């Protein structure tokens, strides 16, 4: 039965993918949490909906691991917000994780669309 509500069809993020998407988003510049969630949603063509209940723990893990830093600043709407920024370690982690995901995608394509099919 087809779903009438597009939101119900959005893709659930696999464990570990949210951190990669956050790192990639922050590679474009510092953002606050709501901005990160919105950018991921836009860049995925509205396929990914980032739950704030998952976003902030992921940001805390990335900050604890030294991949991002956070400081209080002002959002684009002039409100006080915690702005997250990628660190050099975060850039290295982004490169490693991107390479790993590219390998996963290649392997998945091989399985889903074998050459002899």
N, C-alpha and C. Protein backbone atom coordinates (compact mmCIF):
# COMPACT_ATOMS: atom_id res chain seq x y z
N UNK A 1 0.85 -1.18 0.00
CA UNK A 1 0.00 0.00 0.00
C UNK A 1 0.90 1.25 0.00
N UNK A 2 0.73 2.14 -0.98
CA UNK A 2 1.56 3.34 -1.02
C UNK A 2 1.24 4.28 0.12
N UNK A 3 2.25 4.94 0.59
CA UNK A 3 2.06 5.90 1.69
C UNK A 3 1.72 7.26 1.11
N UNK A 4 0.80 7.91 1.73
CA UNK A 4 0.40 9.22 1.25
C UNK A 4 1.25 10.33 1.85
N UNK A 5 1.87 10.07 2.96
CA UNK A 5 2.65 11.09 3.65
C UNK A 5 4.14 10.88 3.37
N UNK A 6 4.74 11.78 2.60
CA UNK A 6 6.16 11.68 2.21
C UNK A 6 7.07 11.57 3.43
N UNK A 7 6.71 12.22 4.52
CA UNK A 7 7.54 12.19 5.73
C UNK A 7 7.70 10.76 6.25
N UNK A 8 6.69 9.93 6.10
CA UNK A 8 6.77 8.55 6.55
C UNK A 8 7.78 7.74 5.76
N UNK A 9 8.12 8.20 4.56
CA UNK A 9 9.04 7.48 3.69
C UNK A 9 10.49 7.91 3.87
N UNK A 10 10.74 8.86 4.72
CA UNK A 10 12.12 9.31 4.92
C UNK A 10 12.98 8.18 5.46
N UNK A 11 14.25 8.24 5.13
CA UNK A 11 15.19 7.18 5.47
C UNK A 11 15.71 7.36 6.89
N UNK A 12 15.64 6.28 7.67
CA UNK A 12 16.24 6.30 9.01
C UNK A 12 17.76 6.24 8.85
N UNK A 13 18.47 7.05 9.60
CA UNK A 13 19.93 7.07 9.50
C UNK A 13 20.52 5.89 10.26
N UNK A 14 21.45 5.20 9.62
CA UNK A 14 22.16 4.11 10.28
C UNK A 14 23.10 4.67 11.33
N UNK A 15 23.37 3.86 12.34
CA UNK A 15 24.28 4.30 13.39
C UNK A 15 25.62 4.68 12.77
N UNK A 16 26.15 5.81 13.16
CA UNK A 16 27.43 6.27 12.65
C UNK A 16 27.30 7.20 11.46
N UNK A 17 26.17 7.14 10.74
CA UNK A 17 26.03 8.01 9.57
C UNK A 17 25.75 9.45 9.98
N UNK A 18 25.05 9.65 11.07
CA UNK A 18 24.74 11.01 11.49
C UNK A 18 26.02 11.79 11.76
N UNK A 19 26.98 11.17 12.42
CA UNK A 19 28.24 11.86 12.69
C UNK A 19 28.93 12.26 11.39
N UNK A 20 28.94 11.36 10.42
CA UNK A 20 29.56 11.67 9.13
C UNK A 20 28.83 12.83 8.46
N UNK A 21 27.52 12.83 8.49
CA UNK A 21 26.75 13.92 7.87
C UNK A 21 26.99 15.24 8.59
N UNK A 22 27.13 15.20 9.91
CA UNK A 22 27.44 16.41 10.67
C UNK A 22 28.81 16.94 10.26
N UNK A 23 29.80 16.06 10.21
CA UNK A 23 31.15 16.49 9.84
C UNK A 23 31.15 17.10 8.45
N UNK A 24 30.46 16.45 7.51
CA UNK A 24 30.41 16.97 6.14
C UNK A 24 29.74 18.35 6.13
N UNK A 25 28.66 18.49 6.84
CA UNK A 25 27.94 19.76 6.89
C UNK A 25 28.83 20.86 7.47
N UNK A 26 29.55 20.54 8.53
CA UNK A 26 30.42 21.54 9.17
C UNK A 26 31.67 21.85 8.33
N UNK A 27 31.97 21.01 7.34
CA UNK A 27 33.12 21.31 6.47
C UNK A 27 32.84 22.55 5.63
N UNK A 28 31.56 22.95 5.51
CA UNK A 28 31.18 24.15 4.76
C UNK A 28 31.24 25.39 5.63
N UNK A 29 31.35 25.21 6.96
CA UNK A 29 31.42 26.36 7.86
C UNK A 29 30.69 26.09 9.17
N UNK A 30 30.90 26.94 10.15
CA UNK A 30 30.31 26.78 11.47
C UNK A 30 28.80 26.98 11.41
N UNK A 31 28.08 26.17 12.18
CA UNK A 31 26.62 26.25 12.24
C UNK A 31 26.13 25.90 13.63
N UNK A 32 24.92 26.31 13.94
CA UNK A 32 24.26 25.88 15.18
C UNK A 32 23.49 24.60 14.87
N UNK A 33 23.02 23.93 15.90
CA UNK A 33 22.37 22.63 15.74
C UNK A 33 21.21 22.63 14.77
N UNK A 34 20.32 23.61 14.89
CA UNK A 34 19.16 23.67 13.99
C UNK A 34 19.61 23.86 12.55
N UNK A 35 20.66 24.65 12.36
CA UNK A 35 21.21 24.87 11.01
C UNK A 35 21.81 23.60 10.43
N UNK A 36 22.47 22.81 11.28
CA UNK A 36 23.04 21.53 10.84
C UNK A 36 21.92 20.60 10.38
N UNK A 37 20.89 20.48 11.21
CA UNK A 37 19.76 19.59 10.88
C UNK A 37 19.11 20.03 9.57
N UNK A 38 18.90 21.32 9.41
CA UNK A 38 18.28 21.83 8.20
C UNK A 38 19.14 21.60 6.96
N UNK A 39 20.44 21.80 7.10
CA UNK A 39 21.35 21.60 5.96
C UNK A 39 21.36 20.14 5.53
N UNK A 40 21.39 19.22 6.49
CA UNK A 40 21.36 17.79 6.15
C UNK A 40 20.06 17.45 5.43
N UNK A 41 18.96 17.99 5.92
CA UNK A 41 17.67 17.72 5.29
C UNK A 41 17.65 18.27 3.86
N UNK A 42 18.09 19.50 3.67
CA UNK A 42 18.11 20.11 2.33
C UNK A 42 19.03 19.36 1.39
N UNK A 43 20.26 19.10 1.85
CA UNK A 43 21.25 18.45 0.98
C UNK A 43 20.88 17.02 0.62
N UNK A 44 20.05 16.39 1.42
CA UNK A 44 19.61 15.01 1.11
C UNK A 44 18.35 15.01 0.25
N UNK A 45 17.92 16.16 -0.20
CA UNK A 45 16.69 16.23 -0.98
C UNK A 45 15.47 15.89 -0.15
N UNK A 46 15.54 16.25 1.13
CA UNK A 46 14.46 15.98 2.10
C UNK A 46 14.26 14.50 2.39
N UNK A 47 15.27 13.68 2.12
CA UNK A 47 15.18 12.26 2.44
C UNK A 47 15.52 12.01 3.91
N UNK A 48 16.46 12.78 4.45
CA UNK A 48 16.88 12.60 5.84
C UNK A 48 16.24 13.68 6.70
N UNK A 49 15.57 13.25 7.74
CA UNK A 49 15.03 14.16 8.73
C UNK A 49 15.79 13.90 10.02
N UNK A 50 16.56 14.88 10.46
CA UNK A 50 17.42 14.71 11.64
C UNK A 50 16.64 15.07 12.89
N UNK A 51 16.46 14.10 13.74
CA UNK A 51 15.78 14.27 15.02
C UNK A 51 16.74 14.97 15.97
N UNK A 52 16.28 16.06 16.58
CA UNK A 52 17.15 16.81 17.50
C UNK A 52 17.55 15.96 18.71
N UNK A 53 16.74 14.96 19.04
CA UNK A 53 17.09 14.05 20.12
C UNK A 53 18.27 13.17 19.79
N UNK A 54 18.58 13.02 18.51
CA UNK A 54 19.77 12.29 18.06
C UNK A 54 20.92 13.24 17.75
N UNK A 55 20.57 14.42 17.25
CA UNK A 55 21.58 15.38 16.81
C UNK A 55 22.48 15.84 17.94
N UNK A 56 21.88 16.29 19.04
CA UNK A 56 22.70 16.89 20.10
C UNK A 56 23.60 15.87 20.81
N UNK A 57 23.16 14.65 21.06
CA UNK A 57 24.11 13.66 21.60
C UNK A 57 25.26 13.36 20.62
N UNK A 58 24.97 13.35 19.31
CA UNK A 58 26.03 13.13 18.31
C UNK A 58 27.02 14.30 18.33
N UNK A 59 26.51 15.52 18.44
CA UNK A 59 27.40 16.68 18.52
C UNK A 59 28.25 16.63 19.79
N UNK A 60 27.66 16.20 20.89
CA UNK A 60 28.43 16.07 22.14
C UNK A 60 29.52 15.02 22.00
N UNK A 61 29.22 13.90 21.34
CA UNK A 61 30.24 12.86 21.13
C UNK A 61 31.38 13.40 20.25
N UNK A 62 31.01 14.10 19.19
CA UNK A 62 32.03 14.66 18.30
C UNK A 62 32.88 15.70 19.02
N UNK A 63 32.26 16.49 19.87
CA UNK A 63 33.01 17.49 20.65
C UNK A 63 33.93 16.80 21.65
N UNK A 64 33.42 15.78 22.33
CA UNK A 64 34.24 15.02 23.29
C UNK A 64 35.44 14.38 22.60
N UNK A 65 35.24 13.90 21.37
CA UNK A 65 36.31 13.23 20.63
C UNK A 65 37.26 14.20 19.93
N UNK A 66 36.99 15.50 20.03
CA UNK A 66 37.87 16.50 19.44
C UNK A 66 37.64 16.76 17.96
N UNK A 67 36.53 16.26 17.40
CA UNK A 67 36.25 16.46 15.98
C UNK A 67 35.59 17.81 15.71
N UNK A 68 34.90 18.34 16.72
CA UNK A 68 34.28 19.66 16.59
C UNK A 68 34.53 20.44 17.87
N UNK A 69 34.47 21.75 17.73
CA UNK A 69 34.49 22.63 18.89
C UNK A 69 33.16 23.39 18.89
N UNK A 70 32.81 23.91 20.04
CA UNK A 70 31.55 24.66 20.14
C UNK A 70 31.79 25.90 20.99
N UNK A 71 31.15 26.97 20.59
CA UNK A 71 31.19 28.19 21.39
C UNK A 71 29.89 28.94 21.18
N UNK A 72 29.56 29.75 22.16
CA UNK A 72 28.34 30.52 22.07
C UNK A 72 28.54 31.67 21.10
N UNK A 73 27.54 31.89 20.29
CA UNK A 73 27.56 32.98 19.33
C UNK A 73 26.14 33.38 19.00
N UNK A 74 25.99 34.00 17.84
CA UNK A 74 24.68 34.49 17.43
C UNK A 74 24.27 33.78 16.14
N UNK A 75 23.01 33.33 16.11
CA UNK A 75 22.49 32.68 14.91
C UNK A 75 22.17 33.72 13.86
N UNK A 76 21.78 33.26 12.68
CA UNK A 76 21.42 34.18 11.59
C UNK A 76 20.18 35.00 11.93
N UNK A 77 19.39 34.52 12.89
CA UNK A 77 18.20 35.27 13.31
C UNK A 77 18.49 36.19 14.48
N UNK A 78 19.75 36.25 14.92
CA UNK A 78 20.13 37.14 16.00
C UNK A 78 19.95 36.56 17.39
N UNK A 79 19.60 35.29 17.45
CA UNK A 79 19.42 34.64 18.76
C UNK A 79 20.73 34.01 19.21
N UNK A 80 20.90 33.92 20.50
CA UNK A 80 22.08 33.28 21.08
C UNK A 80 22.01 31.79 20.75
N UNK A 81 23.12 31.25 20.23
CA UNK A 81 23.15 29.84 19.84
C UNK A 81 24.55 29.28 20.00
N UNK A 82 24.61 27.99 20.21
CA UNK A 82 25.90 27.29 20.30
C UNK A 82 26.32 26.94 18.88
N UNK A 83 27.45 27.49 18.44
CA UNK A 83 27.95 27.28 17.09
C UNK A 83 29.02 26.20 17.10
N UNK A 84 28.90 25.26 16.19
CA UNK A 84 29.82 24.13 16.09
C UNK A 84 30.72 24.34 14.89
N UNK A 85 31.99 23.98 15.09
CA UNK A 85 33.00 24.18 14.05
C UNK A 85 33.86 22.93 13.95
N UNK A 86 34.22 22.56 12.73
CA UNK A 86 35.07 21.40 12.49
C UNK A 86 36.51 21.71 12.90
N UNK A 87 37.17 20.75 13.54
CA UNK A 87 38.58 20.88 13.92
C UNK A 87 39.44 20.15 12.89
N UNK A 88 40.76 20.33 12.94
CA UNK A 88 41.63 19.54 12.06
C UNK A 88 41.41 18.03 12.26
N UNK A 89 41.21 17.59 13.49
CA UNK A 89 40.92 16.17 13.73
C UNK A 89 39.60 15.79 13.10
N UNK A 90 38.63 16.68 13.13
CA UNK A 90 37.34 16.43 12.48
C UNK A 90 37.50 16.28 10.97
N UNK A 91 38.37 17.08 10.38
CA UNK A 91 38.62 16.96 8.93
C UNK A 91 39.26 15.61 8.60
N UNK A 92 40.19 15.17 9.44
CA UNK A 92 40.81 13.85 9.23
C UNK A 92 39.76 12.75 9.37
N UNK A 93 38.90 12.87 10.39
CA UNK A 93 37.85 11.88 10.60
C UNK A 93 36.89 11.87 9.42
N UNK A 94 36.55 13.04 8.90
CA UNK A 94 35.68 13.14 7.74
C UNK A 94 36.28 12.41 6.55
N UNK A 95 37.56 12.58 6.30
CA UNK A 95 38.22 11.89 5.18
C UNK A 95 38.19 10.38 5.37
N UNK A 96 38.50 9.93 6.60
CA UNK A 96 38.50 8.48 6.87
C UNK A 96 37.11 7.88 6.69
N UNK A 97 36.12 8.52 7.27
CA UNK A 97 34.75 8.01 7.21
C UNK A 97 34.18 8.08 5.79
N UNK A 98 34.53 9.12 5.04
CA UNK A 98 34.07 9.22 3.65
C UNK A 98 34.64 8.07 2.83
N UNK A 99 35.91 7.78 3.01
CA UNK A 99 36.53 6.66 2.30
C UNK A 99 35.86 5.35 2.68
N UNK A 100 35.59 5.16 3.94
CA UNK A 100 34.93 3.93 4.40
C UNK A 100 33.54 3.80 3.79
N UNK A 101 32.76 4.89 3.79
CA UNK A 101 31.42 4.84 3.21
C UNK A 101 31.45 4.64 1.71
N UNK A 102 32.45 5.18 1.02
CA UNK A 102 32.57 4.94 -0.42
C UNK A 102 32.80 3.46 -0.69
N UNK A 103 33.61 2.82 0.15
CA UNK A 103 33.83 1.38 0.00
C UNK A 103 32.54 0.59 0.26
N UNK A 104 31.79 0.99 1.29
CA UNK A 104 30.52 0.33 1.60
C UNK A 104 29.55 0.48 0.42
N UNK A 105 29.44 1.68 -0.14
CA UNK A 105 28.54 1.92 -1.26
C UNK A 105 28.92 1.10 -2.48
N UNK A 106 30.21 1.02 -2.77
CA UNK A 106 30.68 0.21 -3.90
C UNK A 106 30.31 -1.25 -3.70
N UNK A 107 30.54 -1.76 -2.50
CA UNK A 107 30.21 -3.16 -2.21
C UNK A 107 28.70 -3.40 -2.29
N UNK A 108 27.90 -2.47 -1.80
CA UNK A 108 26.44 -2.60 -1.86
C UNK A 108 25.98 -2.61 -3.33
N UNK A 109 26.57 -1.77 -4.17
CA UNK A 109 26.19 -1.76 -5.58
C UNK A 109 26.51 -3.09 -6.23
N UNK A 110 27.64 -3.67 -5.87
CA UNK A 110 28.01 -4.98 -6.42
C UNK A 110 26.98 -6.05 -6.05
N UNK A 111 26.52 -6.01 -4.81
CA UNK A 111 25.55 -7.00 -4.34
C UNK A 111 24.17 -6.75 -4.94
N UNK A 112 23.74 -5.50 -4.96
CA UNK A 112 22.39 -5.18 -5.42
C UNK A 112 22.23 -5.26 -6.94
N UNK A 113 23.30 -4.98 -7.66
CA UNK A 113 23.25 -5.00 -9.13
C UNK A 113 24.46 -5.76 -9.68
N UNK A 114 24.47 -7.08 -9.51
CA UNK A 114 25.62 -7.84 -10.01
C UNK A 114 25.76 -7.70 -11.52
N UNK A 115 27.00 -7.76 -12.01
CA UNK A 115 27.29 -7.55 -13.42
C UNK A 115 26.62 -8.58 -14.31
N UNK A 116 26.44 -9.81 -13.84
CA UNK A 116 25.86 -10.87 -14.67
C UNK A 116 24.34 -10.95 -14.60
N UNK A 117 23.72 -9.99 -13.91
CA UNK A 117 22.25 -10.02 -13.77
C UNK A 117 21.56 -9.41 -14.95
